[in-house]
Amino acid sequence: MNARAKKSVDASRLTGPEKAAVILLALGEDHTTLWEAMDEEEIKEISQAMAGLGTVPSSVVEDLLVEFISGMSATGAIMGSFEQTQRLLSSFMPMEKVEGLMEEIRGPAGRTMWDKLANVNEAVLANYLKNEYPQTVAVVLSKIKPEHSARVLAALPEDFALECVTRMLRMEPVQREILDKIEQTLRTEFMSNLARTSKRDSHEMMADIFNNFDRQTESRFIVALEERSRESAERIRALMFVFEDLNKLDPGGVQTLLRAVEKDQLALALKGSSDALREMFFSNMSERASKIMREDMESMGPVRLKDVDAAQMAMVQVAKDLAAKGEIMLAGASGDDELIY
């Protein structure tokens, strides 16, 4: 369950969209014609509120629907969640449109595309924009806040960043259709990929659990599961994100991770890593830092496999936390999902 779904709702603190979301949830699928009277932005705003609403006590529902107290008294509490929101929207909107809307809700917060971009880490945004035309990047940077644009420019390759600055200096008013096209591209190619990292099914949940097993327990469960359902075992194995998968991070992602982990934890984790992964981390440190790290690892002497596993699992968890905040992007162990910036 989403962490937001666990909070208790206070009627006095509900925003307008949240109050509308409670009412629409209470009315249910029999009154979906109310949605048809709204424009797309209103639907997005109320859907966003509904998806993060959590449990609404019956007393709050009664406060908001005084005229329906008698009808609501038997209903009790209601639950707002991604799944409930998607089910309600599916009753009157095409599935393709519903899925696109839910992906936007799962992605960075914000009513407009530019609001959403403001909540994307500059390194992640820069790594996506560096593959676009400088003129497109110039338009995007002119639409977001100056302080965010500054951080994105600083994260771009210098020559490319200067070209974007030149385009911004010469920029004339952008035609509405061009701006619409850029927004659509950002929505379909960038935001949707960020949002997909929030989608979870039972196999993804189980892969997370397996990631937290020690090696022996993980092997025991995978082997046992293969005997019952080879397909499930293979899918879980493909979804598992393990320490060695950190080699799929780009230099910016590695450096973000290095700043977030304790140096002694890193040294212990690297003791049990492949030479290639070890060198990848060293190459993203200063010469002095990598030398100190090598010396620390040598001075450790023999270490227990159990301690190495714990350090590696802790680093993987830090990486997942950073990915959840949009500061880095992770690829699955299957290799099917390349890093998307």
C-alpha atoms as a PDB file:
ATOM      1  CA  MET A   1       0.000   0.000   0.000  1.00  0.00           C
ATOM      2  CA  ASN A   2       1.220   3.487  -0.846  1.00  0.00           C
ATOM      3  CA  ALA A   3       2.491   5.261   2.262  1.00  0.00           C
ATOM      4  CA  ARG A   4       0.049   8.104   1.673  1.00  0.00           C
ATOM      5  CA  ALA A   5      -2.849   5.647   1.839  1.00  0.00           C
ATOM      6  CA  LYS A   6      -2.133   5.027   5.505  1.00  0.00           C
ATOM      7  CA  LYS A   7      -2.706   8.551   6.709  1.00  0.00           C
ATOM      8  CA  SER A   8      -5.904   9.601   8.427  1.00  0.00           C
ATOM      9  CA  VAL A   9      -7.910  12.333   6.706  1.00  0.00           C
ATOM     10  CA  ASP A  10      -9.109  15.473   8.524  1.00  0.00           C
ATOM     11  CA  ALA A  11     -12.032  17.250   6.793  1.00  0.00           C
ATOM     12  CA  SER A  12     -10.793  20.704   7.805  1.00  0.00           C
ATOM     13  CA  ARG A  13      -7.476  20.130   6.033  1.00  0.00           C
ATOM     14  CA  LEU A  14      -8.866  18.817   2.746  1.00  0.00           C
ATOM     15  CA  THR A  15      -8.288  20.911  -0.365  1.00  0.00           C
ATOM     16  CA  GLY A  16     -11.026  21.545  -2.911  1.00  0.00           C
ATOM     17  CA  PRO A  17      -9.835  18.752  -5.243  1.00  0.00           C
ATOM     18  CA  GLU A  18      -9.564  16.354  -2.274  1.00  0.00           C
ATOM     19  CA  LYS A  19     -13.134  17.141  -1.190  1.00  0.00           C
ATOM     20  CA  ALA A  20     -14.325  16.542  -4.750  1.00  0.00           C
ATOM     21  CA  ALA A  21     -12.380  13.270  -4.789  1.00  0.00           C
ATOM     22  CA  VAL A  22     -14.095  12.080  -1.576  1.00  0.00           C
ATOM     23  CA  ILE A  23     -17.529  12.921  -2.968  1.00  0.00           C
ATOM     24  CA  LEU A  24     -16.858  11.159  -6.282  1.00  0.00           C
ATOM     25  CA  LEU A  25     -15.468   8.108  -4.489  1.00  0.00           C
ATOM     26  CA  ALA A  26     -18.535   7.999  -2.269  1.00  0.00           C
ATOM     27  CA  LEU A  27     -20.897   8.268  -5.243  1.00  0.00           C
ATOM     28  CA  GLY A  28     -19.011   5.487  -7.016  1.00  0.00           C
ATOM     29  CA  GLU A  29     -19.358   4.190 -10.553  1.00  0.00           C
ATOM     30  CA  ASP A  30     -23.100   4.858 -10.833  1.00  0.00           C
ATOM     31  CA  HIS A  31     -22.500   8.599 -11.067  1.00  0.00           C
ATOM     32  CA  THR A  32     -19.541   8.783 -13.462  1.00  0.00           C
ATOM     33  CA  THR A  33     -21.458  11.225 -15.652  1.00  0.00           C
ATOM     34  CA  LEU A  34     -20.216  13.901 -13.239  1.00  0.00           C
ATOM     35  CA  TRP A  35     -16.701  13.331 -14.581  1.00  0.00           C
ATOM     36  CA  GLU A  36     -17.883  14.008 -18.116  1.00  0.00           C
ATOM     37  CA  ALA A  37     -18.733  17.589 -17.164  1.00  0.00           C
ATOM     38  CA  MET A  38     -15.088  18.318 -16.276  1.00  0.00           C
ATOM     39  CA  ASP A  39     -12.232  19.315 -18.556  1.00  0.00           C
ATOM     40  CA  GLU A  40      -9.062  17.227 -18.734  1.00  0.00           C
ATOM     41  CA  GLU A  41      -7.073  19.404 -16.322  1.00  0.00           C
ATOM     42  CA  GLU A  42      -9.847  19.154 -13.704  1.00  0.00           C
ATOM     43  CA  ILE A  43      -9.953  15.373 -14.121  1.00  0.00           C
ATOM     44  CA  LYS A  44      -6.178  15.218 -13.682  1.00  0.00           C
ATOM     45  CA  GLU A  45      -6.245  17.393 -10.560  1.00  0.00           C
ATOM     46  CA  ILE A  46      -9.056  15.435  -8.895  1.00  0.00           C
ATOM     47  CA  SER A  47      -7.535  12.084  -9.940  1.00  0.00           C
ATOM     48  CA  GLN A  48      -4.202  13.135  -8.433  1.00  0.00           C
ATOM     49  CA  ALA A  49      -5.965  13.998  -5.171  1.00  0.00           C
ATOM     50  CA  MET A  50      -7.990  10.774  -5.230  1.00  0.00           C
ATOM     51  CA  ALA A  51      -4.971   8.550  -5.815  1.00  0.00           C
ATOM     52  CA  GLY A  52      -3.200   9.934  -2.734  1.00  0.00           C
ATOM     53  CA  LEU A  53      -6.243  10.323  -0.515  1.00  0.00           C
ATOM     54  CA  GLY A  54      -5.891   7.292   1.732  1.00  0.00           C
ATOM     55  CA  THR A  55      -8.552   6.146   4.179  1.00  0.00           C
ATOM     56  CA  VAL A  56     -11.411   8.608   4.710  1.00  0.00           C
ATOM     57  CA  PRO A  57     -13.329   8.027   7.977  1.00  0.00           C
ATOM     58  CA  SER A  58     -17.113   7.865   7.673  1.00  0.00           C
ATOM     59  CA  SER A  59     -17.460  10.965   9.871  1.00  0.00           C
ATOM     60  CA  VAL A  60     -15.517  12.980   7.279  1.00  0.00           C
ATOM     61  CA  VAL A  61     -17.612  11.559   4.456  1.00  0.00           C
ATOM     62  CA  GLU A  62     -20.757  12.600   6.367  1.00  0.00           C
ATOM     63  CA  ASP A  63     -19.405  16.138   6.872  1.00  0.00           C
ATOM     64  CA  LEU A  64     -18.853  16.480   3.135  1.00  0.00           C
ATOM     65  CA  LEU A  65     -22.095  14.803   2.089  1.00  0.00           C
ATOM     66  CA  VAL A  66     -24.557  16.081   4.685  1.00  0.00           C
ATOM     67  CA  GLU A  67     -27.501  15.619   2.344  1.00  0.00           C
ATOM     68  CA  PHE A  68     -26.598  11.926   1.922  1.00  0.00           C
ATOM     69  CA  ILE A  69     -25.941  11.067   5.604  1.00  0.00           C
ATOM     70  CA  SER A  70     -28.603   8.411   5.698  1.00  0.00           C
ATOM     71  CA  GLY A  71     -27.322   6.779   2.535  1.00  0.00           C
ATOM     72  CA  MET A  72     -23.655   6.993   3.576  1.00  0.00           C
ATOM     73  CA  SER A  73     -24.075   5.718   7.136  1.00  0.00           C
ATOM     74  CA  ALA A  74     -23.919   2.121   5.966  1.00  0.00           C
ATOM     75  CA  THR A  75     -20.960   2.774   3.708  1.00  0.00           C
ATOM     76  CA  GLY A  76     -18.508   3.666   6.445  1.00  0.00           C
ATOM     77  CA  ALA A  77     -14.949   4.469   5.443  1.00  0.00           C
ATOM     78  CA  ILE A  78     -13.849   4.540   1.819  1.00  0.00           C
ATOM     79  CA  MET A  79     -10.386   4.089   0.350  1.00  0.00           C
ATOM     80  CA  GLY A  80      -8.713   6.219  -2.289  1.00  0.00           C
ATOM     81  CA  SER A  81      -5.880   4.470  -4.122  1.00  0.00           C
ATOM     82  CA  PHE A  82      -4.278   4.236  -7.547  1.00  0.00           C
ATOM     83  CA  GLU A  83      -6.203   1.032  -8.236  1.00  0.00           C
ATOM     84  CA  GLN A  84      -9.587   2.460  -7.149  1.00  0.00           C
ATOM     85  CA  THR A  85      -9.000   5.634  -9.146  1.00  0.00           C
ATOM     86  CA  GLN A  86      -8.018   3.649 -12.240  1.00  0.00           C
ATOM     87  CA  ARG A  87     -11.099   1.421 -11.924  1.00  0.00           C
ATOM     88  CA  LEU A  88     -13.443   4.419 -11.645  1.00  0.00           C
ATOM     89  CA  LEU A  89     -11.870   6.226 -14.601  1.00  0.00           C
ATOM     90  CA  SER A  90     -11.985   3.040 -16.698  1.00  0.00           C
ATOM     91  CA  SER A  91     -15.765   2.958 -16.404  1.00  0.00           C
ATOM     92  CA  PHE A  92     -16.133   6.009 -18.666  1.00  0.00           C
ATOM     93  CA  MET A  93     -12.749   6.708 -20.309  1.00  0.00           C
ATOM     94  CA  PRO A  94     -10.860   4.664 -22.953  1.00  0.00           C
ATOM     95  CA  MET A  95      -8.296   2.377 -21.310  1.00  0.00           C
ATOM     96  CA  GLU A  96      -5.425   3.905 -23.283  1.00  0.00           C
ATOM     97  CA  LYS A  97      -6.305   7.374 -21.979  1.00  0.00           C
ATOM     98  CA  VAL A  98      -6.742   6.057 -18.430  1.00  0.00           C
ATOM     99  CA  GLU A  99      -3.307   4.419 -18.490  1.00  0.00           C
ATOM    100  CA  GLY A 100      -1.705   7.624 -19.743  1.00  0.00           C
ATOM    101  CA  LEU A 101      -3.430   9.637 -17.020  1.00  0.00           C
ATOM    102  CA  MET A 102      -2.412   7.191 -14.283  1.00  0.00           C
ATOM    103  CA  GLU A 103       1.187   7.264 -15.491  1.00  0.00           C
ATOM    104  CA  GLU A 104       1.139  11.051 -15.145  1.00  0.00           C
ATOM    105  CA  ILE A 105      -0.245  10.731 -11.614  1.00  0.00           C
ATOM    106  CA  ARG A 106       2.464   8.243 -10.676  1.00  0.00           C
ATOM    107  CA  GLY A 107       5.149  10.491 -12.129  1.00  0.00           C
ATOM    108  CA  PRO A 108       6.495  13.759 -10.682  1.00  0.00           C
ATOM    109  CA  ALA A 109       3.867  15.961  -9.020  1.00  0.00           C
ATOM    110  CA  GLY A 110       2.533  19.043 -10.769  1.00  0.00           C
ATOM    111  CA  ARG A 111      -0.527  20.181 -12.668  1.00  0.00           C
ATOM    112  CA  THR A 112       1.200  21.150 -15.926  1.00  0.00           C
ATOM    113  CA  MET A 113       4.151  19.530 -17.706  1.00  0.00           C
ATOM    114  CA  TRP A 114       6.374  22.405 -16.608  1.00  0.00           C
ATOM    115  CA  ASP A 115       5.293  21.993 -12.972  1.00  0.00           C
ATOM    116  CA  LYS A 116       6.201  18.321 -13.225  1.00  0.00           C
ATOM    117  CA  LEU A 117       9.633  19.072 -14.702  1.00  0.00           C
ATOM    118  CA  ALA A 118      10.319  21.325 -11.718  1.00  0.00           C
ATOM    119  CA  ASN A 119      10.174  18.197  -9.537  1.00  0.00           C
ATOM    120  CA  VAL A 120      12.611  16.178 -11.634  1.00  0.00           C
ATOM    121  CA  ASN A 121      16.217  16.095 -10.476  1.00  0.00           C
ATOM    122  CA  GLU A 122      18.449  18.228 -12.700  1.00  0.00           C
ATOM    123  CA  ALA A 123      20.867  15.358 -13.446  1.00  0.00           C
ATOM    124  CA  VAL A 124      18.034  13.098 -14.619  1.00  0.00           C
ATOM    125  CA  LEU A 125      16.523  15.861 -16.747  1.00  0.00           C
ATOM    126  CA  ALA A 126      19.902  16.844 -18.189  1.00  0.00           C
ATOM    127  CA  ASN A 127      20.690  13.267 -19.190  1.00  0.00           C
ATOM    128  CA  TYR A 128      17.433  13.139 -21.129  1.00  0.00           C
ATOM    129  CA  LEU A 129      17.782  16.579 -22.720  1.00  0.00           C
ATOM    130  CA  LYS A 130      21.369  16.057 -23.892  1.00  0.00           C
ATOM    131  CA  ASN A 131      19.994  13.738 -26.594  1.00  0.00           C
ATOM    132  CA  GLU A 132      17.508  16.343 -27.868  1.00  0.00           C
ATOM    133  CA  TYR A 133      17.999  19.181 -30.360  1.00  0.00           C
ATOM    134  CA  PRO A 134      19.522  22.321 -28.762  1.00  0.00           C
ATOM    135  CA  GLN A 135      16.504  24.359 -29.911  1.00  0.00           C
ATOM    136  CA  THR A 136      14.140  21.950 -28.113  1.00  0.00           C
ATOM    137  CA  VAL A 137      16.265  22.130 -24.963  1.00  0.00           C
ATOM    138  CA  ALA A 138      16.272  25.929 -25.206  1.00  0.00           C
ATOM    139  CA  VAL A 139      12.454  25.939 -25.250  1.00  0.00           C
ATOM    140  CA  VAL A 140      12.259  23.585 -22.268  1.00  0.00           C
ATOM    141  CA  LEU A 141      14.774  25.599 -20.235  1.00  0.00           C
ATOM    142  CA  SER A 142      12.915  28.817 -21.000  1.00  0.00           C
ATOM    143  CA  LYS A 143       9.700  27.324 -19.594  1.00  0.00           C
ATOM    144  CA  ILE A 144      11.011  26.112 -16.230  1.00  0.00           C
ATOM    145  CA  LYS A 145      12.182  28.193 -13.286  1.00  0.00           C
ATOM    146  CA  PRO A 146      15.535  29.998 -13.725  1.00  0.00           C
ATOM    147  CA  GLU A 147      17.145  28.278 -10.732  1.00  0.00           C
ATOM    148  CA  HIS A 148      16.199  24.860 -12.128  1.00  0.00           C
ATOM    149  CA  SER A 149      17.387  25.816 -15.623  1.00  0.00           C
ATOM    150  CA  ALA A 150      20.725  26.865 -14.124  1.00  0.00           C
ATOM    151  CA  ARG A 151      21.205  23.488 -12.468  1.00  0.00           C
ATOM    152  CA  VAL A 152      20.240  21.630 -15.649  1.00  0.00           C
ATOM    153  CA  LEU A 153      22.636  23.705 -17.789  1.00  0.00           C
ATOM    154  CA  ALA A 154      25.447  23.025 -15.331  1.00  0.00           C
ATOM    155  CA  ALA A 155      24.759  19.286 -15.628  1.00  0.00           C
ATOM    156  CA  LEU A 156      24.806  19.287 -19.462  1.00  0.00           C
ATOM    157  CA  PRO A 157      28.021  18.807 -21.504  1.00  0.00           C
ATOM    158  CA  GLU A 158      29.635  22.238 -21.722  1.00  0.00           C
ATOM    159  CA  ASP A 159      29.623  22.675 -25.526  1.00  0.00           C
ATOM    160  CA  PHE A 160      26.024  21.490 -25.755  1.00  0.00           C
ATOM    161  CA  ALA A 161      24.996  23.767 -22.873  1.00  0.00           C
ATOM    162  CA  LEU A 162      26.594  26.799 -24.576  1.00  0.00           C
ATOM    163  CA  GLU A 163      24.750  25.969 -27.798  1.00  0.00           C
ATOM    164  CA  CYS A 164      21.481  25.873 -25.820  1.00  0.00           C
ATOM    165  CA  VAL A 165      22.299  29.229 -24.191  1.00  0.00           C
ATOM    166  CA  THR A 166      22.944  30.730 -27.656  1.00  0.00           C
ATOM    167  CA  ARG A 167      19.579  29.418 -28.888  1.00  0.00           C
ATOM    168  CA  MET A 168      17.841  30.861 -25.825  1.00  0.00           C
ATOM    169  CA  LEU A 169      19.388  34.296 -26.451  1.00  0.00           C
ATOM    170  CA  ARG A 170      18.083  34.292 -30.036  1.00  0.00           C
ATOM    171  CA  MET A 171      14.733  32.745 -29.203  1.00  0.00           C
ATOM    172  CA  GLU A 172      11.563  34.280 -30.566  1.00  0.00           C
ATOM    173  CA  PRO A 173       8.040  33.553 -29.258  1.00  0.00           C
ATOM    174  CA  VAL A 174       7.361  29.830 -29.661  1.00  0.00           C
ATOM    175  CA  GLN A 175       4.318  28.840 -31.693  1.00  0.00           C
ATOM    176  CA  ARG A 176       1.608  27.060 -29.719  1.00  0.00           C
ATOM    177  CA  GLU A 177       1.701  23.951 -31.922  1.00  0.00           C
ATOM    178  CA  ILE A 178       5.462  23.574 -31.438  1.00  0.00           C
ATOM    179  CA  LEU A 179       5.095  23.947 -27.675  1.00  0.00           C
ATOM    180  CA  ASP A 180       2.284  21.380 -27.691  1.00  0.00           C
ATOM    181  CA  LYS A 181       4.478  18.954 -29.619  1.00  0.00           C
ATOM    182  CA  ILE A 182       7.353  19.378 -27.145  1.00  0.00           C
ATOM    183  CA  GLU A 183       4.971  18.838 -24.210  1.00  0.00           C
ATOM    184  CA  GLN A 184       3.582  15.700 -25.847  1.00  0.00           C
ATOM    185  CA  THR A 185       7.098  14.343 -26.458  1.00  0.00           C
ATOM    186  CA  LEU A 186       8.071  15.005 -22.856  1.00  0.00           C
ATOM    187  CA  ARG A 187       4.892  13.290 -21.679  1.00  0.00           C
ATOM    188  CA  THR A 188       5.243  10.166 -23.822  1.00  0.00           C
ATOM    189  CA  GLU A 189       9.020   9.706 -23.908  1.00  0.00           C
ATOM    190  CA  PHE A 190      10.202  11.056 -20.574  1.00  0.00           C
ATOM    191  CA  MET A 191       7.474  11.383 -17.946  1.00  0.00           C
ATOM    192  CA  SER A 192       5.870   8.055 -18.819  1.00  0.00           C
ATOM    193  CA  ASN A 193       9.200   6.288 -18.277  1.00  0.00           C
ATOM    194  CA  LEU A 194       9.647   7.995 -14.906  1.00  0.00           C
ATOM    195  CA  ALA A 195       6.098   6.993 -13.983  1.00  0.00           C
ATOM    196  CA  ARG A 196       6.584   3.368 -15.002  1.00  0.00           C
ATOM    197  CA  THR A 197       9.149   2.949 -12.235  1.00  0.00           C
ATOM    198  CA  SER A 198       6.240   3.364  -9.780  1.00  0.00           C
ATOM    199  CA  LYS A 199       4.174   0.535 -11.259  1.00  0.00           C
ATOM    200  CA  ARG A 200       4.253  -2.627  -9.192  1.00  0.00           C
ATOM    201  CA  ASP A 201       2.782  -6.044  -9.578  1.00  0.00           C
ATOM    202  CA  SER A 202       3.077  -9.108  -7.365  1.00  0.00           C
ATOM    203  CA  HIS A 203       6.266 -10.287  -9.078  1.00  0.00           C
ATOM    204  CA  GLU A 204       7.928  -6.892  -8.572  1.00  0.00           C
ATOM    205  CA  MET A 205       6.948  -6.956  -4.906  1.00  0.00           C
ATOM    206  CA  MET A 206       8.362 -10.471  -4.551  1.00  0.00           C
ATOM    207  CA  ALA A 207      11.568  -9.464  -6.363  1.00  0.00           C
ATOM    208  CA  ASP A 208      12.047  -6.745  -3.726  1.00  0.00           C
ATOM    209  CA  ILE A 209      11.598  -9.367  -0.996  1.00  0.00           C
ATOM    210  CA  PHE A 210      14.069 -11.728  -2.680  1.00  0.00           C
ATOM    211  CA  ASN A 211      16.554  -8.851  -2.967  1.00  0.00           C
ATOM    212  CA  ASN A 212      16.596  -8.727   0.830  1.00  0.00           C
ATOM    213  CA  PHE A 213      17.352 -12.425   1.302  1.00  0.00           C
ATOM    214  CA  ASP A 214      20.902 -13.517   1.967  1.00  0.00           C
ATOM    215  CA  ARG A 215      22.427 -15.508  -0.904  1.00  0.00           C
ATOM    216  CA  GLN A 216      21.664 -18.946   0.505  1.00  0.00           C
ATOM    217  CA  THR A 217      18.023 -18.158   1.299  1.00  0.00           C
ATOM    218  CA  GLU A 218      17.519 -16.508  -2.083  1.00  0.00           C
ATOM    219  CA  SER A 219      18.937 -19.548  -3.878  1.00  0.00           C
ATOM    220  CA  ARG A 220      16.812 -21.943  -1.802  1.00  0.00           C
ATOM    221  CA  PHE A 221      13.570 -20.103  -2.582  1.00  0.00           C
ATOM    222  CA  ILE A 222      14.349 -19.621  -6.274  1.00  0.00           C
ATOM    223  CA  VAL A 223      15.157 -23.324  -6.725  1.00  0.00           C
ATOM    224  CA  ALA A 224      12.003 -24.360  -4.862  1.00  0.00           C
ATOM    225  CA  LEU A 225       9.883 -21.908  -6.857  1.00  0.00           C
ATOM    226  CA  GLU A 226      11.322 -23.160 -10.149  1.00  0.00           C
ATOM    227  CA  GLU A 227       9.930 -26.597  -9.381  1.00  0.00           C
ATOM    228  CA  ARG A 228       6.422 -25.163  -8.967  1.00  0.00           C
ATOM    229  CA  SER A 229       6.425 -22.346 -11.520  1.00  0.00           C
ATOM    230  CA  ARG A 230       9.486 -21.851 -13.697  1.00  0.00           C
ATOM    231  CA  GLU A 231       7.849 -18.843 -15.359  1.00  0.00           C
ATOM    232  CA  SER A 232       7.353 -17.027 -12.023  1.00  0.00           C
ATOM    233  CA  ALA A 233      10.884 -17.849 -10.883  1.00  0.00           C
ATOM    234  CA  GLU A 234      12.380 -16.507 -14.116  1.00  0.00           C
ATOM    235  CA  ARG A 235      10.273 -13.355 -13.947  1.00  0.00           C
ATOM    236  CA  ILE A 236      11.292 -12.664 -10.353  1.00  0.00           C
ATOM    237  CA  ARG A 237      14.942 -13.272 -11.195  1.00  0.00           C
ATOM    238  CA  ALA A 238      14.672 -10.844 -14.118  1.00  0.00           C
ATOM    239  CA  LEU A 239      13.064  -8.170 -11.920  1.00  0.00           C
ATOM    240  CA  MET A 240      15.528  -8.457  -9.071  1.00  0.00           C
ATOM    241  CA  PHE A 241      17.934  -5.553  -8.808  1.00  0.00           C
ATOM    242  CA  VAL A 242      21.211  -6.746  -7.348  1.00  0.00           C
ATOM    243  CA  PHE A 243      24.451  -5.039  -6.431  1.00  0.00           C
ATOM    244  CA  GLU A 244      26.152  -5.863  -9.740  1.00  0.00           C
ATOM    245  CA  ASP A 245      23.341  -4.051 -11.585  1.00  0.00           C
ATOM    246  CA  LEU A 246      24.806  -0.795 -10.296  1.00  0.00           C
ATOM    247  CA  ASN A 247      27.228  -1.031 -13.222  1.00  0.00           C
ATOM    248  CA  LYS A 248      24.315   0.217 -15.386  1.00  0.00           C
ATOM    249  CA  LEU A 249      24.419   3.650 -13.734  1.00  0.00           C
ATOM    250  CA  ASP A 250      25.957   6.469 -15.707  1.00  0.00           C
ATOM    251  CA  PRO A 251      28.779   8.568 -14.136  1.00  0.00           C
ATOM    252  CA  GLY A 252      26.322  11.132 -12.752  1.00  0.00           C
ATOM    253  CA  GLY A 253      24.268   8.386 -11.102  1.00  0.00           C
ATOM    254  CA  VAL A 254      27.371   6.742  -9.654  1.00  0.00           C
ATOM    255  CA  GLN A 255      28.570  10.020  -8.160  1.00  0.00           C
ATOM    256  CA  THR A 256      25.133  10.709  -6.675  1.00  0.00           C
ATOM    257  CA  LEU A 257      25.204   7.258  -5.088  1.00  0.00           C
ATOM    258  CA  LEU A 258      28.764   7.735  -3.805  1.00  0.00           C
ATOM    259  CA  ARG A 259      27.713  10.914  -2.008  1.00  0.00           C
ATOM    260  CA  ALA A 260      24.858   9.052  -0.326  1.00  0.00           C
ATOM    261  CA  VAL A 261      26.685   6.019   1.090  1.00  0.00           C
ATOM    262  CA  GLU A 262      29.092   5.655   3.987  1.00  0.00           C
ATOM    263  CA  LYS A 263      32.696   5.103   2.880  1.00  0.00           C
ATOM    264  CA  ASP A 264      33.235   2.088   5.162  1.00  0.00           C
ATOM    265  CA  GLN A 265      30.022   0.523   3.833  1.00  0.00           C
ATOM    266  CA  LEU A 266      31.220   1.065   0.260  1.00  0.00           C
ATOM    267  CA  ALA A 267      34.599  -0.488   1.009  1.00  0.00           C
ATOM    268  CA  LEU A 268      32.965  -3.583   2.517  1.00  0.00           C
ATOM    269  CA  ALA A 269      30.498  -3.910  -0.384  1.00  0.00           C
ATOM    270  CA  LEU A 270      33.244  -3.627  -2.994  1.00  0.00           C
ATOM    271  CA  LYS A 271      35.269  -6.359  -1.274  1.00  0.00           C
ATOM    272  CA  GLY A 272      32.750  -8.843  -2.667  1.00  0.00           C
ATOM    273  CA  SER A 273      32.101  -7.226  -6.053  1.00  0.00           C
ATOM    274  CA  SER A 274      33.407  -8.047  -9.512  1.00  0.00           C
ATOM    275  CA  ASP A 275      36.598  -6.346 -10.676  1.00  0.00           C
ATOM    276  CA  ALA A 276      34.634  -4.498 -13.365  1.00  0.00           C
ATOM    277  CA  LEU A 277      32.161  -2.987 -10.881  1.00  0.00           C
ATOM    278  CA  ARG A 278      34.958  -2.113  -8.475  1.00  0.00           C
ATOM    279  CA  GLU A 279      36.866  -0.273 -11.204  1.00  0.00           C
ATOM    280  CA  MET A 280      33.698   1.496 -12.275  1.00  0.00           C
ATOM    281  CA  PHE A 281      33.301   2.976  -8.787  1.00  0.00           C
ATOM    282  CA  PHE A 282      37.006   3.839  -8.531  1.00  0.00           C
ATOM    283  CA  SER A 283      36.941   5.606 -11.920  1.00  0.00           C
ATOM    284  CA  ASN A 284      34.221   7.918 -10.603  1.00  0.00           C
ATOM    285  CA  MET A 285      36.283   8.977  -7.575  1.00  0.00           C
ATOM    286  CA  SER A 286      39.181  11.375  -7.424  1.00  0.00           C
ATOM    287  CA  GLU A 287      42.602   9.743  -7.628  1.00  0.00           C
ATOM    288  CA  ARG A 288      43.209  10.450  -3.937  1.00  0.00           C
ATOM    289  CA  ALA A 289      39.804   9.092  -2.854  1.00  0.00           C
ATOM    290  CA  SER A 290      40.200   5.890  -4.875  1.00  0.00           C
ATOM    291  CA  LYS A 291      43.686   5.350  -3.456  1.00  0.00           C
ATOM    292  CA  ILE A 292      42.391   5.732   0.120  1.00  0.00           C
ATOM    293  CA  MET A 293      39.496   3.379  -0.644  1.00  0.00           C
ATOM    294  CA  ARG A 294      41.850   0.702  -2.026  1.00  0.00           C
ATOM    295  CA  GLU A 295      44.038   1.013   1.044  1.00  0.00           C
ATOM    296  CA  ASP A 296      41.016   0.732   3.356  1.00  0.00           C
ATOM    297  CA  MET A 297      39.880  -2.418   1.557  1.00  0.00           C
ATOM    298  CA  GLU A 298      43.324  -3.994   1.809  1.00  0.00           C
ATOM    299  CA  SER A 299      43.600  -3.180   5.509  1.00  0.00           C
ATOM    300  CA  MET A 300      40.298  -4.979   6.185  1.00  0.00           C
ATOM    301  CA  GLY A 301      41.800  -8.371   5.480  1.00  0.00           C
ATOM    302  CA  PRO A 302      39.353 -11.289   5.165  1.00  0.00           C
ATOM    303  CA  VAL A 303      35.703 -10.316   5.695  1.00  0.00           C
ATOM    304  CA  ARG A 304      32.610 -12.437   6.274  1.00  0.00           C
ATOM    305  CA  LEU A 305      30.374 -13.030   3.277  1.00  0.00           C
ATOM    306  CA  LYS A 306      27.395 -12.219   5.483  1.00  0.00           C
ATOM    307  CA  ASP A 307      28.789  -8.728   6.200  1.00  0.00           C
ATOM    308  CA  VAL A 308      29.539  -8.124   2.515  1.00  0.00           C
ATOM    309  CA  ASP A 309      25.974  -9.141   1.589  1.00  0.00           C
ATOM    310  CA  ALA A 310      24.550  -6.772   4.195  1.00  0.00           C
ATOM    311  CA  ALA A 311      26.669  -3.857   2.911  1.00  0.00           C
ATOM    312  CA  GLN A 312      25.707  -4.561  -0.685  1.00  0.00           C
ATOM    313  CA  MET A 313      22.004  -4.824   0.154  1.00  0.00           C
ATOM    314  CA  ALA A 314      22.223  -1.529   2.058  1.00  0.00           C
ATOM    315  CA  MET A 315      23.780   0.164  -0.992  1.00  0.00           C
ATOM    316  CA  VAL A 316      21.128  -1.266  -3.296  1.00  0.00           C
ATOM    317  CA  GLN A 317      18.459   0.122  -0.959  1.00  0.00           C
ATOM    318  CA  VAL A 318      20.095   3.564  -1.013  1.00  0.00           C
ATOM    319  CA  ALA A 319      20.112   3.393  -4.821  1.00  0.00           C
ATOM    320  CA  LYS A 320      16.409   2.482  -4.857  1.00  0.00           C
ATOM    321  CA  ASP A 321      15.601   5.348  -2.487  1.00  0.00           C
ATOM    322  CA  LEU A 322      17.458   7.773  -4.771  1.00  0.00           C
ATOM    323  CA  ALA A 323      15.589   6.373  -7.776  1.00  0.00           C
ATOM    324  CA  ALA A 324      12.264   6.853  -5.976  1.00  0.00           C
ATOM    325  CA  LYS A 325      13.162  10.531  -5.499  1.00  0.00           C
ATOM    326  CA  GLY A 326      14.040  10.866  -9.193  1.00  0.00           C
ATOM    327  CA  GLU A 327      17.716  11.554  -8.466  1.00  0.00           C
ATOM    328  CA  ILE A 328      18.999   8.518 -10.387  1.00  0.00           C
ATOM    329  CA  MET A 329      17.422   5.950 -12.708  1.00  0.00           C
ATOM    330  CA  LEU A 330      17.829   2.209 -12.268  1.00  0.00           C
ATOM    331  CA  ALA A 331      17.622  -0.524 -14.902  1.00  0.00           C
ATOM    332  CA  GLY A 332      16.319  -3.994 -14.115  1.00  0.00           C
ATOM    333  CA  ALA A 333      18.560  -7.026 -14.011  1.00  0.00           C
ATOM    334  CA  SER A 334      16.892  -8.408 -17.132  1.00  0.00           C
ATOM    335  CA  GLY A 335      18.462  -5.716 -19.268  1.00  0.00           C
ATOM    336  CA  ASP A 336      15.099  -5.058 -20.928  1.00  0.00           C
ATOM    337  CA  ASP A 337      14.860  -1.620 -19.381  1.00  0.00           C
ATOM    338  CA  GLU A 338      17.735   0.579 -20.376  1.00  0.00           C
ATOM    339  CA  LEU A 339      18.459   3.651 -18.319  1.00  0.00           C
ATOM    340  CA  ILE A 340      16.158   6.489 -19.379  1.00  0.00           C
ATOM    341  CA  TYR A 341      17.097  10.110 -18.681  1.00  0.00           C
END
